[in-house]
Amino acid sequence: MRTFRFLTSTMVVLPLLMSGCTNSPTEPTVNLGKTTLGEFLQNPSYSAWYEPGYRAYPTEDSAAFHHAVNRIADQINAGEGSYKMVMVVKPNCSCQHTQREMPRVMKTLDRARFLHENIEVWITDSPLNGIDEIKDLYRIGVAPTFLLLKDNTELGRIEVEDTTSGVEISTELANIFEQ
């Protein structure tokens, strides 16, 4: 009897929990569009996953992470042009990719001393609402997307979907900076 009650309650509660993390038509859209990194981090719903992810990366004292940070810092310090990072993210609970990769990208950029004032954050949802201003300009088809611009020309991008290249995101960033 106890097992039956557990299974019954699980069958009722689990779908409700899962449906709360999708981009349903009733999901609030008040936060869609361009924001600053500071405003983003002041949102308790976002900082709840961002802060632990930021602290936990890299997962160990990774030589590859430190090497990538140094490569990025070398490019920034060379002073040849100005860099800008455009982040198109889905910070709601249905986008594990944003929640995993955005803190990692930020930790890498912070360690390389990339200025926050040169970072644009665009919040979107699964249908990519709220980014009309940049969707065509930067050919955004998925979120999260991390674009690196130098003198307003795209150097490269990281588009995170269901699979990754197997290369650590800090290394991917360093490769783009060196193009």
C-alpha atoms as a PDB file:
ATOM      1  CA  MET A   1       0.000   0.000   0.000  1.00  0.00           C
ATOM      2  CA  ARG A   2       2.799   2.400   0.886  1.00  0.00           C
ATOM      3  CA  THR A   3       4.517   1.746  -2.483  1.00  0.00           C
ATOM      4  CA  PHE A   4       1.249   2.352  -4.325  1.00  0.00           C
ATOM      5  CA  ARG A   5       0.777   5.750  -2.610  1.00  0.00           C
ATOM      6  CA  PHE A   6       4.362   6.734  -3.427  1.00  0.00           C
ATOM      7  CA  LEU A   7       3.945   5.789  -7.081  1.00  0.00           C
ATOM      8  CA  THR A   8       0.620   7.569  -7.318  1.00  0.00           C
ATOM      9  CA  SER A   9       1.917  10.768  -5.764  1.00  0.00           C
ATOM     10  CA  THR A  10       5.044  10.619  -7.947  1.00  0.00           C
ATOM     11  CA  MET A  11       2.907  10.272 -11.058  1.00  0.00           C
ATOM     12  CA  VAL A  12       0.959  13.378 -10.067  1.00  0.00           C
ATOM     13  CA  VAL A  13       3.785  15.590  -8.760  1.00  0.00           C
ATOM     14  CA  LEU A  14       6.508  14.831 -11.314  1.00  0.00           C
ATOM     15  CA  PRO A  15       4.600  16.083 -14.379  1.00  0.00           C
ATOM     16  CA  LEU A  16       3.662  19.241 -12.473  1.00  0.00           C
ATOM     17  CA  LEU A  17       7.291  19.922 -11.604  1.00  0.00           C
ATOM     18  CA  MET A  18       8.436  19.284 -15.141  1.00  0.00           C
ATOM     19  CA  SER A  19       5.735  21.466 -16.663  1.00  0.00           C
ATOM     20  CA  GLY A  20       6.835  24.365 -14.465  1.00  0.00           C
ATOM     21  CA  CYS A  21      10.211  24.412 -16.239  1.00  0.00           C
ATOM     22  CA  THR A  22       9.060  24.728 -19.821  1.00  0.00           C
ATOM     23  CA  ASN A  23       8.453  27.770 -21.929  1.00  0.00           C
ATOM     24  CA  SER A  24       4.703  27.620 -21.763  1.00  0.00           C
ATOM     25  CA  PRO A  25       2.506  30.454 -23.027  1.00  0.00           C
ATOM     26  CA  THR A  26       1.868  31.437 -19.397  1.00  0.00           C
ATOM     27  CA  GLU A  27       5.561  31.838 -18.543  1.00  0.00           C
ATOM     28  CA  PRO A  28       6.252  35.466 -17.606  1.00  0.00           C
ATOM     29  CA  THR A  29       8.158  37.404 -20.229  1.00  0.00           C
ATOM     30  CA  VAL A  30       8.830  40.613 -18.309  1.00  0.00           C
ATOM     31  CA  ASN A  31      12.577  39.939 -18.180  1.00  0.00           C
ATOM     32  CA  LEU A  32      13.077  39.347 -21.906  1.00  0.00           C
ATOM     33  CA  GLY A  33      15.404  41.608 -23.857  1.00  0.00           C
ATOM     34  CA  LYS A  34      18.635  43.450 -23.192  1.00  0.00           C
ATOM     35  CA  THR A  35      19.931  43.821 -19.648  1.00  0.00           C
ATOM     36  CA  THR A  36      23.187  44.514 -17.904  1.00  0.00           C
ATOM     37  CA  LEU A  37      25.185  41.845 -16.174  1.00  0.00           C
ATOM     38  CA  GLY A  38      24.585  43.667 -12.871  1.00  0.00           C
ATOM     39  CA  GLU A  39      20.824  43.663 -13.341  1.00  0.00           C
ATOM     40  CA  PHE A  40      20.963  40.011 -14.352  1.00  0.00           C
ATOM     41  CA  LEU A  41      22.847  39.057 -11.193  1.00  0.00           C
ATOM     42  CA  GLN A  42      20.428  41.015  -8.986  1.00  0.00           C
ATOM     43  CA  ASN A  43      17.609  38.702 -10.034  1.00  0.00           C
ATOM     44  CA  PRO A  44      17.401  36.092  -7.227  1.00  0.00           C
ATOM     45  CA  SER A  45      16.065  33.435  -9.627  1.00  0.00           C
ATOM     46  CA  TYR A  46      19.153  33.768 -11.807  1.00  0.00           C
ATOM     47  CA  SER A  47      21.748  34.257  -9.082  1.00  0.00           C
ATOM     48  CA  ALA A  48      20.454  31.068  -7.385  1.00  0.00           C
ATOM     49  CA  TRP A  49      22.043  28.954 -10.138  1.00  0.00           C
ATOM     50  CA  TYR A  50      24.658  31.419 -11.428  1.00  0.00           C
ATOM     51  CA  GLU A  51      26.627  31.879  -8.196  1.00  0.00           C
ATOM     52  CA  PRO A  52      27.129  28.154  -7.434  1.00  0.00           C
ATOM     53  CA  GLY A  53      28.071  27.483 -11.063  1.00  0.00           C
ATOM     54  CA  TYR A  54      30.545  30.356 -11.063  1.00  0.00           C
ATOM     55  CA  ARG A  55      32.183  29.213  -7.810  1.00  0.00           C
ATOM     56  CA  ALA A  56      32.419  25.584  -8.938  1.00  0.00           C
ATOM     57  CA  TYR A  57      34.224  26.304 -12.229  1.00  0.00           C
ATOM     58  CA  PRO A  58      36.752  25.036 -13.062  1.00  0.00           C
ATOM     59  CA  THR A  59      35.954  21.761 -11.366  1.00  0.00           C
ATOM     60  CA  GLU A  60      39.594  21.338 -10.358  1.00  0.00           C
ATOM     61  CA  ASP A  61      42.730  23.438 -10.481  1.00  0.00           C
ATOM     62  CA  SER A  62      42.781  23.023 -14.228  1.00  0.00           C
ATOM     63  CA  ALA A  63      45.949  23.915 -16.124  1.00  0.00           C
ATOM     64  CA  ALA A  64      43.842  24.139 -19.301  1.00  0.00           C
ATOM     65  CA  PHE A  65      41.580  26.758 -17.689  1.00  0.00           C
ATOM     66  CA  HIS A  66      44.515  28.890 -16.527  1.00  0.00           C
ATOM     67  CA  HIS A  67      46.209  28.557 -19.899  1.00  0.00           C
ATOM     68  CA  ALA A  68      43.019  29.677 -21.674  1.00  0.00           C
ATOM     69  CA  VAL A  69      42.633  32.647 -19.307  1.00  0.00           C
ATOM     70  CA  ASN A  70      46.227  33.708 -19.975  1.00  0.00           C
ATOM     71  CA  ARG A  71      45.713  33.435 -23.744  1.00  0.00           C
ATOM     72  CA  ILE A  72      42.604  35.640 -23.523  1.00  0.00           C
ATOM     73  CA  ALA A  73      44.331  38.155 -21.245  1.00  0.00           C
ATOM     74  CA  ASP A  74      47.234  38.381 -23.705  1.00  0.00           C
ATOM     75  CA  GLN A  75      44.828  39.305 -26.502  1.00  0.00           C
ATOM     76  CA  ILE A  76      42.980  41.852 -24.369  1.00  0.00           C
ATOM     77  CA  ASN A  77      46.220  43.408 -23.115  1.00  0.00           C
ATOM     78  CA  ALA A  78      47.665  43.656 -26.622  1.00  0.00           C
ATOM     79  CA  GLY A  79      45.360  46.676 -27.011  1.00  0.00           C
ATOM     80  CA  GLU A  80      44.705  46.032 -30.678  1.00  0.00           C
ATOM     81  CA  GLY A  81      41.036  46.880 -31.011  1.00  0.00           C
ATOM     82  CA  SER A  82      38.134  46.739 -28.631  1.00  0.00           C
ATOM     83  CA  TYR A  83      36.317  43.567 -27.671  1.00  0.00           C
ATOM     84  CA  LYS A  84      32.657  43.073 -26.913  1.00  0.00           C
ATOM     85  CA  MET A  85      30.863  39.917 -25.732  1.00  0.00           C
ATOM     86  CA  VAL A  86      27.196  39.424 -26.630  1.00  0.00           C
ATOM     87  CA  MET A  87      25.463  36.731 -24.597  1.00  0.00           C
ATOM     88  CA  VAL A  88      22.043  35.482 -25.657  1.00  0.00           C
ATOM     89  CA  VAL A  89      20.798  33.320 -22.812  1.00  0.00           C
ATOM     90  CA  LYS A  90      17.705  31.494 -21.570  1.00  0.00           C
ATOM     91  CA  PRO A  91      18.076  31.752 -17.791  1.00  0.00           C
ATOM     92  CA  ASN A  92      14.808  30.006 -16.968  1.00  0.00           C
ATOM     93  CA  CYS A  93      14.822  26.536 -15.482  1.00  0.00           C
ATOM     94  CA  SER A  94      14.366  24.766 -18.809  1.00  0.00           C
ATOM     95  CA  CYS A  95      17.787  25.781 -20.150  1.00  0.00           C
ATOM     96  CA  GLN A  96      20.450  23.729 -18.442  1.00  0.00           C
ATOM     97  CA  HIS A  97      22.933  24.858 -21.092  1.00  0.00           C
ATOM     98  CA  THR A  98      22.663  28.512 -20.073  1.00  0.00           C
ATOM     99  CA  GLN A  99      22.874  27.585 -16.412  1.00  0.00           C
ATOM    100  CA  ARG A 100      26.007  25.516 -17.017  1.00  0.00           C
ATOM    101  CA  GLU A 101      27.856  27.636 -19.595  1.00  0.00           C
ATOM    102  CA  MET A 102      27.093  31.254 -18.685  1.00  0.00           C
ATOM    103  CA  PRO A 103      28.855  31.062 -15.286  1.00  0.00           C
ATOM    104  CA  ARG A 104      31.796  29.298 -16.951  1.00  0.00           C
ATOM    105  CA  VAL A 105      32.096  31.935 -19.660  1.00  0.00           C
ATOM    106  CA  MET A 106      31.887  34.705 -17.072  1.00  0.00           C
ATOM    107  CA  LYS A 107      34.485  33.117 -14.782  1.00  0.00           C
ATOM    108  CA  THR A 108      36.858  32.804 -17.734  1.00  0.00           C
ATOM    109  CA  LEU A 109      36.279  36.420 -18.806  1.00  0.00           C
ATOM    110  CA  ASP A 110      36.569  37.699 -15.234  1.00  0.00           C
ATOM    111  CA  ARG A 111      39.880  35.936 -14.679  1.00  0.00           C
ATOM    112  CA  ALA A 112      41.165  37.437 -17.965  1.00  0.00           C
ATOM    113  CA  ARG A 113      40.000  40.878 -16.722  1.00  0.00           C
ATOM    114  CA  PHE A 114      37.454  41.376 -19.495  1.00  0.00           C
ATOM    115  CA  LEU A 115      35.476  44.505 -18.601  1.00  0.00           C
ATOM    116  CA  HIS A 116      31.831  43.941 -17.659  1.00  0.00           C
ATOM    117  CA  GLU A 117      30.909  47.163 -19.444  1.00  0.00           C
ATOM    118  CA  ASN A 118      31.833  45.367 -22.699  1.00  0.00           C
ATOM    119  CA  ILE A 119      29.322  42.589 -22.108  1.00  0.00           C
ATOM    120  CA  GLU A 120      25.761  42.667 -23.456  1.00  0.00           C
ATOM    121  CA  VAL A 121      23.300  40.205 -21.964  1.00  0.00           C
ATOM    122  CA  TRP A 122      20.128  39.393 -23.874  1.00  0.00           C
ATOM    123  CA  ILE A 123      17.477  37.295 -22.165  1.00  0.00           C
ATOM    124  CA  THR A 124      15.246  35.190 -24.357  1.00  0.00           C
ATOM    125  CA  ASP A 125      13.053  32.097 -24.269  1.00  0.00           C
ATOM    126  CA  SER A 126      12.699  29.035 -26.505  1.00  0.00           C
ATOM    127  CA  PRO A 127      10.913  30.890 -29.340  1.00  0.00           C
ATOM    128  CA  LEU A 128      13.715  33.536 -29.072  1.00  0.00           C
ATOM    129  CA  ASN A 129      11.381  36.344 -28.021  1.00  0.00           C
ATOM    130  CA  GLY A 130      12.826  39.623 -26.767  1.00  0.00           C
ATOM    131  CA  ILE A 131      15.881  39.677 -29.032  1.00  0.00           C
ATOM    132  CA  ASP A 132      14.362  41.009 -32.270  1.00  0.00           C
ATOM    133  CA  GLU A 133      16.860  43.896 -32.229  1.00  0.00           C
ATOM    134  CA  ILE A 134      19.821  41.518 -32.619  1.00  0.00           C
ATOM    135  CA  LYS A 135      18.337  38.251 -33.929  1.00  0.00           C
ATOM    136  CA  ASP A 136      18.895  39.075 -37.612  1.00  0.00           C
ATOM    137  CA  LEU A 137      21.943  41.272 -37.055  1.00  0.00           C
ATOM    138  CA  TYR A 138      23.896  38.425 -35.449  1.00  0.00           C
ATOM    139  CA  ARG A 139      21.973  35.512 -37.039  1.00  0.00           C
ATOM    140  CA  ILE A 140      20.862  34.114 -33.685  1.00  0.00           C
ATOM    141  CA  GLY A 141      19.146  30.765 -34.093  1.00  0.00           C
ATOM    142  CA  VAL A 142      19.705  29.148 -30.702  1.00  0.00           C
ATOM    143  CA  ALA A 143      20.253  30.149 -27.128  1.00  0.00           C
ATOM    144  CA  PRO A 144      22.578  30.213 -25.411  1.00  0.00           C
ATOM    145  CA  THR A 145      24.892  31.863 -27.913  1.00  0.00           C
ATOM    146  CA  PHE A 146      28.089  33.661 -26.921  1.00  0.00           C
ATOM    147  CA  LEU A 147      29.425  36.040 -29.596  1.00  0.00           C
ATOM    148  CA  LEU A 148      32.804  37.727 -29.461  1.00  0.00           C
ATOM    149  CA  LEU A 149      33.182  40.937 -31.438  1.00  0.00           C
ATOM    150  CA  LYS A 150      36.345  42.896 -32.093  1.00  0.00           C
ATOM    151  CA  ASP A 151      35.842  46.406 -33.419  1.00  0.00           C
ATOM    152  CA  ASN A 152      32.182  45.467 -34.070  1.00  0.00           C
ATOM    153  CA  THR A 153      33.162  42.534 -36.306  1.00  0.00           C
ATOM    154  CA  GLU A 154      32.324  39.026 -35.188  1.00  0.00           C
ATOM    155  CA  LEU A 155      35.422  36.971 -34.417  1.00  0.00           C
ATOM    156  CA  GLY A 156      33.491  33.871 -33.518  1.00  0.00           C
ATOM    157  CA  ARG A 157      30.688  32.353 -31.513  1.00  0.00           C
ATOM    158  CA  ILE A 158      29.846  29.486 -29.272  1.00  0.00           C
ATOM    159  CA  GLU A 159      26.345  28.116 -29.767  1.00  0.00           C
ATOM    160  CA  VAL A 160      25.436  25.646 -27.081  1.00  0.00           C
ATOM    161  CA  GLU A 161      22.795  23.100 -28.002  1.00  0.00           C
ATOM    162  CA  ASP A 162      22.265  19.518 -26.904  1.00  0.00           C
ATOM    163  CA  THR A 163      25.852  18.506 -27.508  1.00  0.00           C
ATOM    164  CA  THR A 164      29.188  20.212 -27.032  1.00  0.00           C
ATOM    165  CA  SER A 165      32.433  19.776 -28.915  1.00  0.00           C
ATOM    166  CA  GLY A 166      34.097  18.134 -25.932  1.00  0.00           C
ATOM    167  CA  VAL A 167      36.469  21.104 -25.654  1.00  0.00           C
ATOM    168  CA  GLU A 168      36.292  23.089 -22.426  1.00  0.00           C
ATOM    169  CA  ILE A 169      34.426  26.358 -23.000  1.00  0.00           C
ATOM    170  CA  SER A 170      37.357  28.423 -21.688  1.00  0.00           C
ATOM    171  CA  THR A 171      39.566  26.881 -24.393  1.00  0.00           C
ATOM    172  CA  GLU A 172      36.899  27.551 -27.032  1.00  0.00           C
ATOM    173  CA  LEU A 173      36.833  31.203 -25.938  1.00  0.00           C
ATOM    174  CA  ALA A 174      40.617  31.481 -26.085  1.00  0.00           C
ATOM    175  CA  ASN A 175      40.608  30.034 -29.593  1.00  0.00           C
ATOM    176  CA  ILE A 176      38.110  32.679 -30.702  1.00  0.00           C
ATOM    177  CA  PHE A 177      40.096  35.516 -29.102  1.00  0.00           C
ATOM    178  CA  GLU A 178      43.185  34.446 -31.047  1.00  0.00           C
ATOM    179  CA  GLN A 179      41.493  34.569 -34.463  1.00  0.00           C
END
